Amino acid sequence: MGEAAQESVVVMYADGACKGNPGPGGWGVLLQAGGREKEMFGGEAQTTNNRMELTAVIEGLLSLEGGSTVRVYTDSQYVQKGISEWIHSWKRRGWLTADKKPVKNVDLWKKLDATAREHEVEWHWVKGHAGHPENERADALANKGLEVGL
């Protein structure tokens, strides 16, 4: 990939946090592209950790122009596996799990699916709380968002 093409790639680190599950929650996103950075965060009074993990990625993608090339890094295997593996089966089964139960957080999964389709997205999992600097920043932003949710 040439240098110009490399600059057009957006790298996103997304994380969610929750105080109690359910309870007040927050989401945080760090976006990097072309030597610039943008931080985003928000929160909700009553939510779950998985909802905040999904919301972080959705909000990050919604902030980008359509047709962006994005590398998403999340420490949530629920998000990474859900969007890149499980979602295909859920959709085939009418948003039911393998044991015929409704998919949890289906509203956010549908929104993430639609939003991700507007971009070229690579999904990556990183181990949380393992000293990865950008992931730690996304975690700090999610905790700032949690304060908004309180």
N, C-alpha and C. Protein backbone atom coordinates (compact mmCIF):
# COMPACT_ATOMS: atom_id res chain seq x y z
N MET A 1 0.85 -1.17 0.00
CA MET A 1 0.00 0.00 0.00
C MET A 1 0.90 1.24 0.00
N GLY A 2 0.63 2.18 -0.89
CA GLY A 2 1.43 3.38 -0.99
C GLY A 2 1.18 4.31 0.19
N GLU A 3 2.07 5.31 0.33
CA GLU A 3 1.95 6.24 1.46
C GLU A 3 0.64 7.02 1.42
N ALA A 4 0.25 7.48 0.23
CA ALA A 4 -1.00 8.25 0.11
C ALA A 4 -2.20 7.39 0.50
N ALA A 5 -2.20 6.14 0.06
CA ALA A 5 -3.31 5.24 0.40
C ALA A 5 -3.33 4.96 1.90
N GLN A 6 -2.14 4.82 2.49
CA GLN A 6 -2.03 4.55 3.92
C GLN A 6 -2.65 5.69 4.74
N GLU A 7 -2.45 6.94 4.30
CA GLU A 7 -2.98 8.08 5.02
C GLU A 7 -4.50 8.13 5.01
N SER A 8 -5.12 7.52 4.00
CA SER A 8 -6.57 7.58 3.90
C SER A 8 -7.26 6.53 4.79
N VAL A 9 -6.48 5.70 5.45
CA VAL A 9 -7.04 4.70 6.35
C VAL A 9 -7.32 5.35 7.71
N VAL A 10 -8.51 5.12 8.23
CA VAL A 10 -8.87 5.60 9.56
C VAL A 10 -8.69 4.42 10.52
N VAL A 11 -7.96 4.65 11.60
CA VAL A 11 -7.80 3.63 12.63
C VAL A 11 -8.66 4.05 13.81
N MET A 12 -9.53 3.14 14.25
CA MET A 12 -10.45 3.41 15.35
C MET A 12 -10.20 2.44 16.50
N TYR A 13 -10.10 3.01 17.69
CA TYR A 13 -10.04 2.20 18.91
C TYR A 13 -11.33 2.53 19.67
N ALA A 14 -12.13 1.51 19.95
CA ALA A 14 -13.44 1.72 20.57
C ALA A 14 -13.55 0.87 21.82
N ASP A 15 -14.19 1.43 22.85
CA ASP A 15 -14.35 0.68 24.10
C ASP A 15 -15.63 1.13 24.80
N GLY A 16 -16.14 0.23 25.61
CA GLY A 16 -17.31 0.52 26.43
C GLY A 16 -17.00 0.23 27.88
N ALA A 17 -17.76 0.84 28.78
CA ALA A 17 -17.59 0.62 30.21
C ALA A 17 -18.95 0.68 30.87
N CYS A 18 -19.09 -0.04 31.98
CA CYS A 18 -20.35 -0.05 32.70
C CYS A 18 -20.07 -0.19 34.19
N LYS A 19 -20.81 0.55 34.99
CA LYS A 19 -20.70 0.45 36.46
C LYS A 19 -21.91 -0.35 36.91
N GLY A 20 -21.71 -1.64 37.11
CA GLY A 20 -22.83 -2.55 37.28
C GLY A 20 -23.23 -2.99 35.88
N ASN A 21 -23.86 -4.12 35.76
CA ASN A 21 -24.21 -4.61 34.42
C ASN A 21 -25.57 -5.32 34.53
N PRO A 22 -26.70 -4.62 34.40
CA PRO A 22 -26.84 -3.25 33.90
C PRO A 22 -26.54 -2.19 34.96
N GLY A 23 -26.35 -0.97 34.44
CA GLY A 23 -26.07 0.19 35.27
C GLY A 23 -25.67 1.35 34.38
N PRO A 24 -25.13 2.42 34.97
CA PRO A 24 -24.66 3.53 34.16
C PRO A 24 -23.49 3.06 33.29
N GLY A 25 -23.45 3.55 32.05
CA GLY A 25 -22.40 3.11 31.14
C GLY A 25 -21.84 4.24 30.31
N GLY A 26 -20.69 3.96 29.71
CA GLY A 26 -20.05 4.93 28.84
C GLY A 26 -19.38 4.25 27.68
N TRP A 27 -19.15 5.03 26.63
CA TRP A 27 -18.43 4.54 25.46
C TRP A 27 -17.38 5.57 25.08
N GLY A 28 -16.29 5.09 24.49
CA GLY A 28 -15.22 5.98 24.07
C GLY A 28 -14.62 5.53 22.76
N VAL A 29 -14.19 6.50 21.95
CA VAL A 29 -13.60 6.22 20.64
C VAL A 29 -12.41 7.14 20.43
N LEU A 30 -11.32 6.55 19.96
CA LEU A 30 -10.15 7.29 19.51
C LEU A 30 -10.01 7.01 18.02
N LEU A 31 -10.05 8.08 17.21
CA LEU A 31 -9.89 7.97 15.76
C LEU A 31 -8.55 8.57 15.37
N GLN A 32 -7.82 7.88 14.49
CA GLN A 32 -6.55 8.38 14.00
C GLN A 32 -6.52 8.26 12.48
N ALA A 33 -6.11 9.35 11.82
CA ALA A 33 -5.99 9.33 10.36
C ALA A 33 -5.11 10.49 9.93
N GLY A 34 -4.21 10.22 9.00
CA GLY A 34 -3.38 11.27 8.43
C GLY A 34 -2.64 12.11 9.46
N GLY A 35 -2.19 11.50 10.54
CA GLY A 35 -1.45 12.22 11.56
C GLY A 35 -2.32 13.03 12.52
N ARG A 36 -3.64 12.93 12.36
CA ARG A 36 -4.57 13.65 13.25
C ARG A 36 -5.31 12.67 14.15
N GLU A 37 -5.83 13.17 15.25
CA GLU A 37 -6.61 12.34 16.17
C GLU A 37 -7.91 13.05 16.54
N LYS A 38 -8.92 12.25 16.85
CA LYS A 38 -10.19 12.77 17.35
C LYS A 38 -10.64 11.84 18.46
N GLU A 39 -11.10 12.42 19.57
CA GLU A 39 -11.62 11.65 20.69
C GLU A 39 -13.11 11.91 20.82
N MET A 40 -13.86 10.87 21.13
CA MET A 40 -15.31 10.98 21.32
C MET A 40 -15.71 10.13 22.52
N PHE A 41 -16.74 10.55 23.23
CA PHE A 41 -17.27 9.73 24.32
C PHE A 41 -18.70 10.14 24.61
N GLY A 42 -19.42 9.25 25.28
CA GLY A 42 -20.79 9.53 25.69
C GLY A 42 -21.21 8.49 26.69
N GLY A 43 -22.41 8.65 27.23
CA GLY A 43 -22.86 7.70 28.24
C GLY A 43 -24.37 7.61 28.31
N GLU A 44 -24.82 6.62 29.04
CA GLU A 44 -26.25 6.38 29.28
C GLU A 44 -26.44 6.02 30.74
N ALA A 45 -27.59 6.39 31.27
CA ALA A 45 -27.88 6.17 32.69
C ALA A 45 -28.11 4.69 33.02
N GLN A 46 -28.73 3.96 32.11
CA GLN A 46 -29.07 2.56 32.38
C GLN A 46 -28.80 1.73 31.13
N THR A 47 -27.76 0.91 31.17
CA THR A 47 -27.36 0.16 29.98
C THR A 47 -26.55 -1.06 30.40
N THR A 48 -25.94 -1.73 29.43
CA THR A 48 -25.06 -2.86 29.71
C THR A 48 -23.71 -2.62 29.04
N ASN A 49 -22.73 -3.37 29.48
CA ASN A 49 -21.39 -3.24 28.90
C ASN A 49 -21.41 -3.56 27.41
N ASN A 50 -22.09 -4.63 27.01
CA ASN A 50 -22.14 -4.98 25.59
C ASN A 50 -22.79 -3.89 24.75
N ARG A 51 -23.82 -3.26 25.27
CA ARG A 51 -24.46 -2.16 24.53
C ARG A 51 -23.49 -0.99 24.36
N MET A 52 -22.69 -0.72 25.37
CA MET A 52 -21.72 0.38 25.27
C MET A 52 -20.59 0.03 24.30
N GLU A 53 -20.17 -1.24 24.28
CA GLU A 53 -19.14 -1.67 23.32
C GLU A 53 -19.65 -1.47 21.89
N LEU A 54 -20.89 -1.87 21.64
CA LEU A 54 -21.49 -1.70 20.31
C LEU A 54 -21.68 -0.22 19.97
N THR A 55 -22.16 0.55 20.93
CA THR A 55 -22.40 1.97 20.70
C THR A 55 -21.12 2.70 20.34
N ALA A 56 -20.02 2.35 20.99
CA ALA A 56 -18.74 3.00 20.69
C ALA A 56 -18.39 2.86 19.21
N VAL A 57 -18.48 1.64 18.69
CA VAL A 57 -18.13 1.40 17.29
C VAL A 57 -19.12 2.12 16.36
N ILE A 58 -20.40 2.03 16.69
CA ILE A 58 -21.42 2.70 15.86
C ILE A 58 -21.16 4.20 15.80
N GLU A 59 -20.95 4.83 16.96
CA GLU A 59 -20.73 6.28 17.00
C GLU A 59 -19.46 6.65 16.24
N GLY A 60 -18.42 5.84 16.38
CA GLY A 60 -17.19 6.11 15.64
C GLY A 60 -17.41 6.06 14.14
N LEU A 61 -18.11 5.04 13.68
CA LEU A 61 -18.38 4.91 12.24
C LEU A 61 -19.30 6.02 11.74
N LEU A 62 -20.30 6.38 12.53
CA LEU A 62 -21.23 7.44 12.13
C LEU A 62 -20.52 8.78 11.96
N SER A 63 -19.40 8.97 12.67
CA SER A 63 -18.69 10.25 12.60
C SER A 63 -17.84 10.39 11.34
N LEU A 64 -17.72 9.31 10.57
CA LEU A 64 -16.87 9.31 9.37
C LEU A 64 -17.67 9.55 8.11
N GLU A 65 -16.99 10.05 7.10
CA GLU A 65 -17.63 10.18 5.78
C GLU A 65 -17.85 8.78 5.23
N GLY A 66 -18.95 8.61 4.49
CA GLY A 66 -19.23 7.32 3.85
C GLY A 66 -18.09 6.93 2.93
N GLY A 67 -17.86 5.65 2.80
CA GLY A 67 -16.82 5.16 1.91
C GLY A 67 -15.43 5.18 2.52
N SER A 68 -15.32 5.39 3.83
CA SER A 68 -14.02 5.39 4.49
C SER A 68 -13.48 3.97 4.62
N THR A 69 -12.16 3.87 4.60
CA THR A 69 -11.49 2.61 4.90
C THR A 69 -11.11 2.68 6.37
N VAL A 70 -11.62 1.73 7.16
CA VAL A 70 -11.48 1.81 8.61
C VAL A 70 -10.94 0.50 9.18
N ARG A 71 -9.97 0.63 10.07
CA ARG A 71 -9.50 -0.52 10.86
C ARG A 71 -10.03 -0.30 12.27
N VAL A 72 -10.94 -1.15 12.68
CA VAL A 72 -11.55 -1.03 14.01
C VAL A 72 -10.85 -1.99 14.97
N TYR A 73 -10.39 -1.44 16.10
CA TYR A 73 -9.78 -2.23 17.15
C TYR A 73 -10.68 -2.17 18.37
N THR A 74 -11.08 -3.33 18.86
CA THR A 74 -11.95 -3.43 20.03
C THR A 74 -11.41 -4.53 20.94
N ASP A 75 -11.60 -4.36 22.25
CA ASP A 75 -11.21 -5.44 23.17
C ASP A 75 -12.43 -6.31 23.51
N SER A 76 -13.50 -6.12 22.74
CA SER A 76 -14.72 -6.90 22.93
C SER A 76 -14.82 -8.00 21.87
N GLN A 77 -14.64 -9.24 22.30
CA GLN A 77 -14.82 -10.35 21.35
C GLN A 77 -16.28 -10.44 20.92
N TYR A 78 -17.19 -10.01 21.79
CA TYR A 78 -18.62 -9.97 21.45
C TYR A 78 -18.83 -9.12 20.20
N VAL A 79 -18.22 -7.94 20.14
CA VAL A 79 -18.35 -7.07 18.97
C VAL A 79 -17.60 -7.65 17.78
N GLN A 80 -16.35 -8.01 17.97
CA GLN A 80 -15.50 -8.46 16.86
C GLN A 80 -16.05 -9.73 16.23
N LYS A 81 -16.36 -10.72 17.03
CA LYS A 81 -16.90 -11.98 16.48
C LYS A 81 -18.33 -11.80 15.99
N GLY A 82 -19.10 -10.99 16.73
CA GLY A 82 -20.50 -10.77 16.34
C GLY A 82 -20.62 -10.18 14.95
N ILE A 83 -19.85 -9.14 14.64
CA ILE A 83 -19.99 -8.46 13.36
C ILE A 83 -19.28 -9.21 12.23
N SER A 84 -18.23 -9.95 12.54
CA SER A 84 -17.50 -10.60 11.46
C SER A 84 -17.86 -12.08 11.28
N GLU A 85 -18.49 -12.70 12.28
CA GLU A 85 -18.81 -14.13 12.17
C GLU A 85 -20.31 -14.42 12.41
N TRP A 86 -20.79 -14.11 13.62
CA TRP A 86 -22.11 -14.54 14.05
C TRP A 86 -23.25 -13.88 13.30
N ILE A 87 -23.07 -12.63 12.88
CA ILE A 87 -24.16 -11.85 12.29
C ILE A 87 -24.76 -12.52 11.05
N HIS A 88 -23.93 -13.21 10.28
CA HIS A 88 -24.41 -13.86 9.05
C HIS A 88 -25.47 -14.91 9.38
N SER A 89 -25.21 -15.71 10.40
CA SER A 89 -26.18 -16.74 10.82
C SER A 89 -27.42 -16.10 11.45
N TRP A 90 -27.21 -15.06 12.25
CA TRP A 90 -28.35 -14.38 12.87
C TRP A 90 -29.30 -13.87 11.80
N LYS A 91 -28.76 -13.26 10.78
CA LYS A 91 -29.60 -12.69 9.72
C LYS A 91 -30.34 -13.81 8.96
N ARG A 92 -29.63 -14.90 8.68
CA ARG A 92 -30.25 -16.04 7.97
C ARG A 92 -31.41 -16.61 8.77
N ARG A 93 -31.28 -16.58 10.10
CA ARG A 93 -32.32 -17.15 10.97
C ARG A 93 -33.34 -16.10 11.41
N GLY A 94 -33.33 -14.93 10.78
CA GLY A 94 -34.28 -13.88 11.17
C GLY A 94 -33.97 -13.28 12.53
N TRP A 95 -32.67 -13.06 12.80
CA TRP A 95 -32.19 -12.47 14.05
C TRP A 95 -32.49 -13.35 15.26
N LEU A 96 -32.35 -14.67 15.04
CA LEU A 96 -32.45 -15.64 16.14
C LEU A 96 -31.09 -16.31 16.32
N THR A 97 -30.79 -16.68 17.56
CA THR A 97 -29.55 -17.41 17.84
C THR A 97 -29.70 -18.86 17.40
N ALA A 98 -28.63 -19.62 17.50
CA ALA A 98 -28.66 -21.03 17.11
C ALA A 98 -29.72 -21.80 17.91
N ASP A 99 -29.96 -21.40 19.16
CA ASP A 99 -31.00 -22.09 19.95
C ASP A 99 -32.35 -21.36 19.88
N LYS A 100 -32.56 -20.64 18.77
CA LYS A 100 -33.86 -20.04 18.41
C LYS A 100 -34.35 -18.95 19.37
N LYS A 101 -33.40 -18.32 20.08
CA LYS A 101 -33.77 -17.20 20.96
C LYS A 101 -33.44 -15.90 20.25
N PRO A 102 -34.19 -14.83 20.54
CA PRO A 102 -33.90 -13.54 19.90
C PRO A 102 -32.47 -13.07 20.24
N VAL A 103 -31.79 -12.53 19.25
CA VAL A 103 -30.44 -11.99 19.45
C VAL A 103 -30.55 -10.80 20.40
N LYS A 104 -29.69 -10.78 21.43
CA LYS A 104 -29.68 -9.65 22.35
C LYS A 104 -29.10 -8.43 21.64
N ASN A 105 -29.58 -7.27 21.98
CA ASN A 105 -29.11 -6.00 21.42
C ASN A 105 -29.32 -5.91 19.91
N VAL A 106 -30.38 -6.55 19.42
CA VAL A 106 -30.64 -6.61 17.98
C VAL A 106 -30.74 -5.22 17.36
N ASP A 107 -31.26 -4.25 18.11
CA ASP A 107 -31.36 -2.88 17.58
C ASP A 107 -29.98 -2.33 17.23
N LEU A 108 -29.02 -2.57 18.11
CA LEU A 108 -27.66 -2.07 17.87
C LEU A 108 -26.93 -2.90 16.82
N TRP A 109 -27.16 -4.20 16.80
CA TRP A 109 -26.53 -5.03 15.77
C TRP A 109 -27.01 -4.61 14.38
N LYS A 110 -28.30 -4.33 14.24
CA LYS A 110 -28.82 -3.89 12.94
C LYS A 110 -28.22 -2.54 12.56
N LYS A 111 -28.11 -1.64 13.53
CA LYS A 111 -27.54 -0.32 13.27
C LYS A 111 -26.06 -0.45 12.90
N LEU A 112 -25.32 -1.30 13.61
CA LEU A 112 -23.91 -1.50 13.30
C LEU A 112 -23.74 -2.11 11.91
N ASP A 113 -24.56 -3.08 11.60
CA ASP A 113 -24.51 -3.72 10.28
C ASP A 113 -24.73 -2.69 9.18
N ALA A 114 -25.75 -1.88 9.32
CA ALA A 114 -26.06 -0.87 8.29
C ALA A 114 -24.95 0.19 8.21
N THR A 115 -24.46 0.62 9.35
CA THR A 115 -23.42 1.65 9.37
C THR A 115 -22.10 1.13 8.81
N ALA A 116 -21.74 -0.09 9.16
CA ALA A 116 -20.49 -0.68 8.68
C ALA A 116 -20.52 -0.87 7.17
N ARG A 117 -21.69 -1.14 6.60
CA ARG A 117 -21.82 -1.34 5.16
C ARG A 117 -21.48 -0.08 4.36
N GLU A 118 -21.51 1.08 5.02
CA GLU A 118 -21.19 2.34 4.34
C GLU A 118 -19.68 2.55 4.21
N HIS A 119 -18.91 1.65 4.80
CA HIS A 119 -17.46 1.79 4.82
C HIS A 119 -16.81 0.45 4.44
N GLU A 120 -15.50 0.51 4.25
CA GLU A 120 -14.72 -0.72 4.11
C GLU A 120 -14.05 -0.93 5.45
N VAL A 121 -14.51 -1.93 6.21
CA VAL A 121 -14.07 -2.09 7.60
C VAL A 121 -13.32 -3.40 7.79
N GLU A 122 -12.19 -3.31 8.49
CA GLU A 122 -11.46 -4.48 8.99
C GLU A 122 -11.69 -4.51 10.49
N TRP A 123 -12.02 -5.68 11.02
CA TRP A 123 -12.32 -5.83 12.45
C TRP A 123 -11.17 -6.53 13.14
N HIS A 124 -10.65 -5.91 14.20
CA HIS A 124 -9.52 -6.49 14.94
C HIS A 124 -9.84 -6.53 16.42
N TRP A 125 -9.43 -7.61 17.07
CA TRP A 125 -9.57 -7.74 18.52
C TRP A 125 -8.21 -7.49 19.17
N VAL A 126 -8.20 -6.71 20.25
CA VAL A 126 -6.99 -6.52 21.05
C VAL A 126 -7.32 -6.88 22.48
N LYS A 127 -6.35 -7.42 23.17
CA LYS A 127 -6.56 -7.79 24.57
C LYS A 127 -6.71 -6.52 25.40
N GLY A 128 -7.78 -6.45 26.18
CA GLY A 128 -8.05 -5.28 27.01
C GLY A 128 -7.15 -5.23 28.23
N HIS A 129 -6.86 -4.04 28.69
CA HIS A 129 -6.08 -3.80 29.92
C HIS A 129 -4.74 -4.53 29.88
N ALA A 130 -4.13 -4.53 28.69
CA ALA A 130 -2.85 -5.22 28.51
C ALA A 130 -1.75 -4.24 28.12
N GLY A 131 -1.98 -2.96 28.39
CA GLY A 131 -0.95 -1.96 28.13
C GLY A 131 -0.89 -1.46 26.69
N HIS A 132 -1.91 -1.76 25.88
CA HIS A 132 -1.96 -1.25 24.51
C HIS A 132 -2.36 0.23 24.61
N PRO A 133 -1.46 1.19 24.28
CA PRO A 133 -1.71 2.60 24.57
C PRO A 133 -3.02 3.16 24.00
N GLU A 134 -3.32 2.88 22.75
CA GLU A 134 -4.55 3.44 22.16
C GLU A 134 -5.79 2.80 22.75
N ASN A 135 -5.73 1.51 23.04
CA ASN A 135 -6.87 0.85 23.67
C ASN A 135 -7.08 1.40 25.08
N GLU A 136 -5.99 1.68 25.78
CA GLU A 136 -6.10 2.27 27.12
C GLU A 136 -6.74 3.66 27.04
N ARG A 137 -6.42 4.42 25.99
CA ARG A 137 -7.03 5.74 25.80
C ARG A 137 -8.53 5.61 25.54
N ALA A 138 -8.92 4.63 24.71
CA ALA A 138 -10.34 4.40 24.44
C ALA A 138 -11.05 4.01 25.74
N ASP A 139 -10.40 3.21 26.57
CA ASP A 139 -10.97 2.82 27.86
C ASP A 139 -11.15 4.05 28.75
N ALA A 140 -10.17 4.93 28.77
CA ALA A 140 -10.27 6.15 29.58
C ALA A 140 -11.42 7.03 29.08
N LEU A 141 -11.59 7.11 27.76
CA LEU A 141 -12.70 7.88 27.19
C LEU A 141 -14.04 7.26 27.57
N ALA A 142 -14.12 5.92 27.54
CA ALA A 142 -15.36 5.23 27.93
C ALA A 142 -15.69 5.54 29.39
N ASN A 143 -14.67 5.60 30.23
CA ASN A 143 -14.91 5.92 31.63
C ASN A 143 -15.31 7.38 31.82
N LYS A 144 -14.82 8.27 30.95
CA LYS A 144 -15.30 9.66 30.95
C LYS A 144 -16.79 9.68 30.56
N GLY A 145 -17.13 8.87 29.55
CA GLY A 145 -18.52 8.75 29.12
C GLY A 145 -19.41 8.20 30.22
N LEU A 146 -18.86 7.30 31.01
CA LEU A 146 -19.60 6.72 32.13
C LEU A 146 -20.02 7.81 33.11
N GLU A 147 -19.15 8.79 33.32
CA GLU A 147 -19.47 9.91 34.21
C GLU A 147 -20.66 10.70 33.66
N VAL A 148 -20.77 10.79 32.33
CA VAL A 148 -21.89 11.47 31.68
C VAL A 148 -23.18 10.70 31.98
N GLY A 149 -23.07 9.35 32.00
CA GLY A 149 -24.24 8.51 32.21
C GLY A 149 -24.74 8.50 33.65
N LEU A 150 -23.89 8.88 34.58
CA LEU A 150 -24.28 8.85 36.00
C LEU A 150 -25.31 9.89 36.35
